PDB file of N, CA and C in Angstrom:
ATOM      1  N   UNK A   1       0.842  -1.177   0.000  1.00  0.00           N
ATOM      2  CA  UNK A   1       0.000   0.000   0.000  1.00  0.00           C
ATOM      3  C   UNK A   1       0.887   1.240   0.000  1.00  0.00           C
ATOM      4  N   UNK A   2       0.628   2.131  -0.907  1.00  0.00           N
ATOM      5  CA  UNK A   2       1.423   3.348  -1.046  1.00  0.00           C
ATOM      6  C   UNK A   2       0.572   4.548  -0.615  1.00  0.00           C
ATOM      7  N   UNK A   3       1.139   5.374   0.229  1.00  0.00           N
ATOM      8  CA  UNK A   3       0.425   6.554   0.714  1.00  0.00           C
ATOM      9  C   UNK A   3       1.100   7.788   0.147  1.00  0.00           C
ATOM     10  N   UNK A   4       0.310   8.651  -0.433  1.00  0.00           N
ATOM     11  CA  UNK A   4       0.835   9.890  -0.992  1.00  0.00           C
ATOM     12  C   UNK A   4       0.816  10.962   0.097  1.00  0.00           C
ATOM     13  N   UNK A   5       1.975  11.465   0.450  1.00  0.00           N
ATOM     14  CA  UNK A   5       2.087  12.428   1.549  1.00  0.00           C
ATOM     15  C   UNK A   5       1.661  13.833   1.145  1.00  0.00           C
ATOM     16  N   UNK A   6       1.542  14.109  -0.140  1.00  0.00           N
ATOM     17  CA  UNK A   6       1.192  15.466  -0.557  1.00  0.00           C
ATOM     18  C   UNK A   6      -0.187  15.870  -0.065  1.00  0.00           C
ATOM     19  N   UNK A   7      -1.107  14.928   0.008  1.00  0.00           N
ATOM     20  CA  UNK A   7      -2.448  15.272   0.498  1.00  0.00           C
ATOM     21  C   UNK A   7      -2.403  15.654   1.972  1.00  0.00           C
ATOM     22  N   UNK A   8      -1.541  14.980   2.743  1.00  0.00           N
ATOM     23  CA  UNK A   8      -1.412  15.323   4.160  1.00  0.00           C
ATOM     24  C   UNK A   8      -0.797  16.708   4.335  1.00  0.00           C
ATOM     25  N   UNK A   9       0.210  17.013   3.535  1.00  0.00           N
ATOM     26  CA  UNK A   9       0.856  18.327   3.599  1.00  0.00           C
ATOM     27  C   UNK A   9      -0.139  19.402   3.194  1.00  0.00           C
ATOM     28  N   UNK A  10      -0.911  19.141   2.154  1.00  0.00           N
ATOM     29  CA  UNK A  10      -1.911  20.099   1.688  1.00  0.00           C
ATOM     30  C   UNK A  10      -2.950  20.363   2.773  1.00  0.00           C
ATOM     31  N   UNK A  11      -3.438  19.300   3.408  1.00  0.00           N
ATOM     32  CA  UNK A  11      -4.431  19.457   4.471  1.00  0.00           C
ATOM     33  C   UNK A  11      -3.850  20.209   5.661  1.00  0.00           C
ATOM     34  N   UNK A  12      -2.592  19.954   5.986  1.00  0.00           N
ATOM     35  CA  UNK A  12      -1.947  20.650   7.099  1.00  0.00           C
ATOM     36  C   UNK A  12      -1.830  22.137   6.807  1.00  0.00           C
ATOM     37  N   UNK A  13      -1.492  22.488   5.571  1.00  0.00           N
ATOM     38  CA  UNK A  13      -1.372  23.905   5.232  1.00  0.00           C
ATOM     39  C   UNK A  13      -2.738  24.581   5.248  1.00  0.00           C
ATOM     40  N   UNK A  14      -3.769  23.874   4.823  1.00  0.00           N
ATOM     41  CA  UNK A  14      -5.124  24.429   4.876  1.00  0.00           C
ATOM     42  C   UNK A  14      -5.538  24.673   6.328  1.00  0.00           C
ATOM     43  N   UNK A  15      -5.217  23.737   7.204  1.00  0.00           N
ATOM     44  CA  UNK A  15      -5.550  23.897   8.623  1.00  0.00           C
ATOM     45  C   UNK A  15      -4.815  25.084   9.222  1.00  0.00           C
ATOM     46  N   UNK A  16      -3.557  25.271   8.852  1.00  0.00           N
ATOM     47  CA  UNK A  16      -2.797  26.411   9.360  1.00  0.00           C
ATOM     48  C   UNK A  16      -3.407  27.721   8.871  1.00  0.00           C
ATOM     49  N   UNK A  17      -3.793  27.774   7.612  1.00  0.00           N
ATOM     50  CA  UNK A  17      -4.421  28.974   7.066  1.00  0.00           C
ATOM     51  C   UNK A  17      -5.747  29.248   7.764  1.00  0.00           C
ATOM     52  N   UNK A  18      -6.519  28.195   8.020  1.00  0.00           N
ATOM     53  CA  UNK A  18      -7.797  28.347   8.708  1.00  0.00           C
ATOM     54  C   UNK A  18      -7.590  28.863  10.125  1.00  0.00           C
ATOM     55  N   UNK A  19      -6.601  28.305  10.826  1.00  0.00           N
ATOM     56  CA  UNK A  19      -6.316  28.741  12.187  1.00  0.00           C
ATOM     57  C   UNK A  19      -5.875  30.200  12.222  1.00  0.00           C
ATOM     58  N   UNK A  20      -5.059  30.601  11.262  1.00  0.00           N
ATOM     59  CA  UNK A  20      -4.600  31.992  11.195  1.00  0.00           C
ATOM     60  C   UNK A  20      -5.775  32.926  10.895  1.00  0.00           C
ATOM     61  N   UNK A  21      -6.661  32.514   9.999  1.00  0.00           N
ATOM     62  CA  UNK A  21      -7.830  33.333   9.682  1.00  0.00           C
ATOM     63  C   UNK A  21      -8.748  33.463  10.896  1.00  0.00           C
ATOM     64  N   UNK A  22      -8.910  32.386  11.647  1.00  0.00           N
ATOM     65  CA  UNK A  22      -9.725  32.427  12.859  1.00  0.00           C
ATOM     66  C   UNK A  22      -9.106  33.362  13.885  1.00  0.00           C
ATOM     67  N   UNK A  23      -7.804  33.288  14.041  1.00  0.00           N
ATOM     68  CA  UNK A  23      -7.105  34.165  14.987  1.00  0.00           C
ATOM     69  C   UNK A  23      -7.279  35.629  14.585  1.00  0.00           C
ATOM     70  N   UNK A  24      -7.139  35.924  13.292  1.00  0.00           N
ATOM     71  CA  UNK A  24      -7.305  37.291  12.808  1.00  0.00           C
ATOM     72  C   UNK A  24      -8.738  37.781  13.025  1.00  0.00           C
ATOM     73  N   UNK A  25      -9.699  36.899  12.844  1.00  0.00           N
ATOM     74  CA  UNK A  25     -11.096  37.268  13.057  1.00  0.00           C
ATOM     75  C   UNK A  25     -11.340  37.650  14.508  1.00  0.00           C
ATOM     76  N   UNK A  26     -10.806  36.860  15.449  1.00  0.00           N
ATOM     77  CA  UNK A  26     -10.979  37.173  16.859  1.00  0.00           C
ATOM     78  C   UNK A  26     -10.246  38.449  17.247  1.00  0.00           C
ATOM     79  N   UNK A  27      -9.061  38.675  16.679  1.00  0.00           N
ATOM     80  CA  UNK A  27      -8.330  39.911  16.954  1.00  0.00           C
ATOM     81  C   UNK A  27      -9.136  41.108  16.448  1.00  0.00           C
ATOM     82  N   UNK A  28      -9.691  40.992  15.262  1.00  0.00           N
ATOM     83  CA  UNK A  28     -10.511  42.055  14.689  1.00  0.00           C
ATOM     84  C   UNK A  28     -11.734  42.310  15.563  1.00  0.00           C
ATOM     85  N   UNK A  29     -12.354  41.243  16.018  1.00  0.00           N
ATOM     86  CA  UNK A  29     -13.526  41.365  16.874  1.00  0.00           C
ATOM     87  C   UNK A  29     -13.177  42.095  18.166  1.00  0.00           C
ATOM     88  N   UNK A  30     -12.078  41.710  18.797  1.00  0.00           N
ATOM     89  CA  UNK A  30     -11.695  42.291  20.077  1.00  0.00           C
ATOM     90  C   UNK A  30     -11.244  43.736  19.968  1.00  0.00           C
ATOM     91  N   UNK A  31     -10.583  44.094  18.870  1.00  0.00           N
ATOM     92  CA  UNK A  31      -9.988  45.424  18.787  1.00  0.00           C
ATOM     93  C   UNK A  31     -10.824  46.442  18.022  1.00  0.00           C
ATOM     94  N   UNK A  32     -11.673  45.995  17.137  1.00  0.00           N
ATOM     95  CA  UNK A  32     -12.415  46.941  16.315  1.00  0.00           C
ATOM     96  C   UNK A  32     -13.919  46.913  16.552  1.00  0.00           C
ATOM     97  N   UNK A  33     -14.484  45.749  16.685  1.00  0.00           N
ATOM     98  CA  UNK A  33     -15.940  45.641  16.748  1.00  0.00           C
ATOM     99  C   UNK A  33     -16.469  45.785  18.168  1.00  0.00           C
ATOM    100  N   UNK A  34     -15.906  45.038  19.110  1.00  0.00           N
ATOM    101  CA  UNK A  34     -16.414  45.090  20.484  1.00  0.00           C
ATOM    102  C   UNK A  34     -16.304  46.468  21.133  1.00  0.00           C
ATOM    103  N   UNK A  35     -15.227  47.220  20.915  1.00  0.00           N
ATOM    104  CA  UNK A  35     -15.183  48.552  21.535  1.00  0.00           C
ATOM    105  C   UNK A  35     -16.329  49.465  21.113  1.00  0.00           C
ATOM    106  N   UNK A  36     -16.924  49.213  19.967  1.00  0.00           N
ATOM    107  CA  UNK A  36     -18.063  50.023  19.540  1.00  0.00           C
ATOM    108  C   UNK A  36     -19.284  49.768  20.420  1.00  0.00           C
ATOM    109  N   UNK A  37     -19.377  48.564  20.977  1.00  0.00           N
ATOM    110  CA  UNK A  37     -20.541  48.190  21.766  1.00  0.00           C
ATOM    111  C   UNK A  37     -20.303  48.282  23.264  1.00  0.00           C
ATOM    112  N   UNK A  38     -19.066  48.044  23.689  1.00  0.00           N
ATOM    113  CA  UNK A  38     -18.751  48.049  25.110  1.00  0.00           C
ATOM    114  C   UNK A  38     -17.750  49.152  25.399  1.00  0.00           C
ATOM    115  N   UNK A  39     -18.148  50.085  26.215  1.00  0.00           N
ATOM    116  CA  UNK A  39     -17.244  51.174  26.581  1.00  0.00           C
ATOM    117  C   UNK A  39     -16.344  50.768  27.740  1.00  0.00           C
ATOM    118  N   UNK A  40     -16.826  49.867  28.580  1.00  0.00           N
ATOM    119  CA  UNK A  40     -16.089  49.454  29.766  1.00  0.00           C
ATOM    120  C   UNK A  40     -15.317  48.170  29.474  1.00  0.00           C
ATOM    121  N   UNK A  41     -14.004  48.189  29.690  1.00  0.00           N
ATOM    122  CA  UNK A  41     -13.174  47.017  29.397  1.00  0.00           C
ATOM    123  C   UNK A  41     -13.540  45.828  30.278  1.00  0.00           C
ATOM    124  N   UNK A  42     -13.912  46.063  31.530  1.00  0.00           N
ATOM    125  CA  UNK A  42     -14.263  44.950  32.415  1.00  0.00           C
ATOM    126  C   UNK A  42     -15.529  44.258  31.934  1.00  0.00           C
ATOM    127  N   UNK A  43     -16.417  44.994  31.307  1.00  0.00           N
ATOM    128  CA  UNK A  43     -17.633  44.384  30.773  1.00  0.00           C
ATOM    129  C   UNK A  43     -17.284  43.405  29.655  1.00  0.00           C
ATOM    130  N   UNK A  44     -16.306  43.762  28.815  1.00  0.00           N
ATOM    131  CA  UNK A  44     -15.873  42.851  27.756  1.00  0.00           C
ATOM    132  C   UNK A  44     -15.307  41.571  28.355  1.00  0.00           C
ATOM    133  N   UNK A  45     -14.526  41.722  29.409  1.00  0.00           N
ATOM    134  CA  UNK A  45     -13.916  40.554  30.043  1.00  0.00           C
ATOM    135  C   UNK A  45     -14.992  39.663  30.643  1.00  0.00           C
ATOM    136  N   UNK A  46     -15.970  40.251  31.305  1.00  0.00           N
ATOM    137  CA  UNK A  46     -17.055  39.466  31.893  1.00  0.00           C
ATOM    138  C   UNK A  46     -17.849  38.751  30.810  1.00  0.00           C
ATOM    139  N   UNK A  47     -18.109  39.414  29.709  1.00  0.00           N
ATOM    140  CA  UNK A  47     -18.835  38.788  28.605  1.00  0.00           C
ATOM    141  C   UNK A  47     -18.055  37.595  28.068  1.00  0.00           C
ATOM    142  N   UNK A  48     -16.731  37.746  27.959  1.00  0.00           N
ATOM    143  CA  UNK A  48     -15.902  36.673  27.430  1.00  0.00           C
ATOM    144  C   UNK A  48     -15.942  35.468  28.362  1.00  0.00           C
ATOM    145  N   UNK A  49     -15.946  35.706  29.676  1.00  0.00           N
ATOM    146  CA  UNK A  49     -15.986  34.613  30.644  1.00  0.00           C
ATOM    147  C   UNK A  49     -17.310  33.870  30.587  1.00  0.00           C
ATOM    148  N   UNK A  50     -18.396  34.577  30.341  1.00  0.00           N
ATOM    149  CA  UNK A  50     -19.720  33.958  30.320  1.00  0.00           C
ATOM    150  C   UNK A  50     -19.896  33.029  29.124  1.00  0.00           C
ATOM    151  N   UNK A  51     -19.254  33.344  28.022  1.00  0.00           N
ATOM    152  CA  UNK A  51     -19.456  32.519  26.821  1.00  0.00           C
ATOM    153  C   UNK A  51     -18.521  31.350  26.754  1.00  0.00           C
TER     154      UNK A  51
END
């Protein structure tokens, strides 16, 4: 049985790209979007703990 490693490498790179995109989305949410709704920083922290 022969296994082609290129598919594994391709899937790993896709996962890394997905993880980076998710990280960027959360950074964007925390720094740009949430401050528009929450003026108090402690309120943001409490909201994060609840979810």
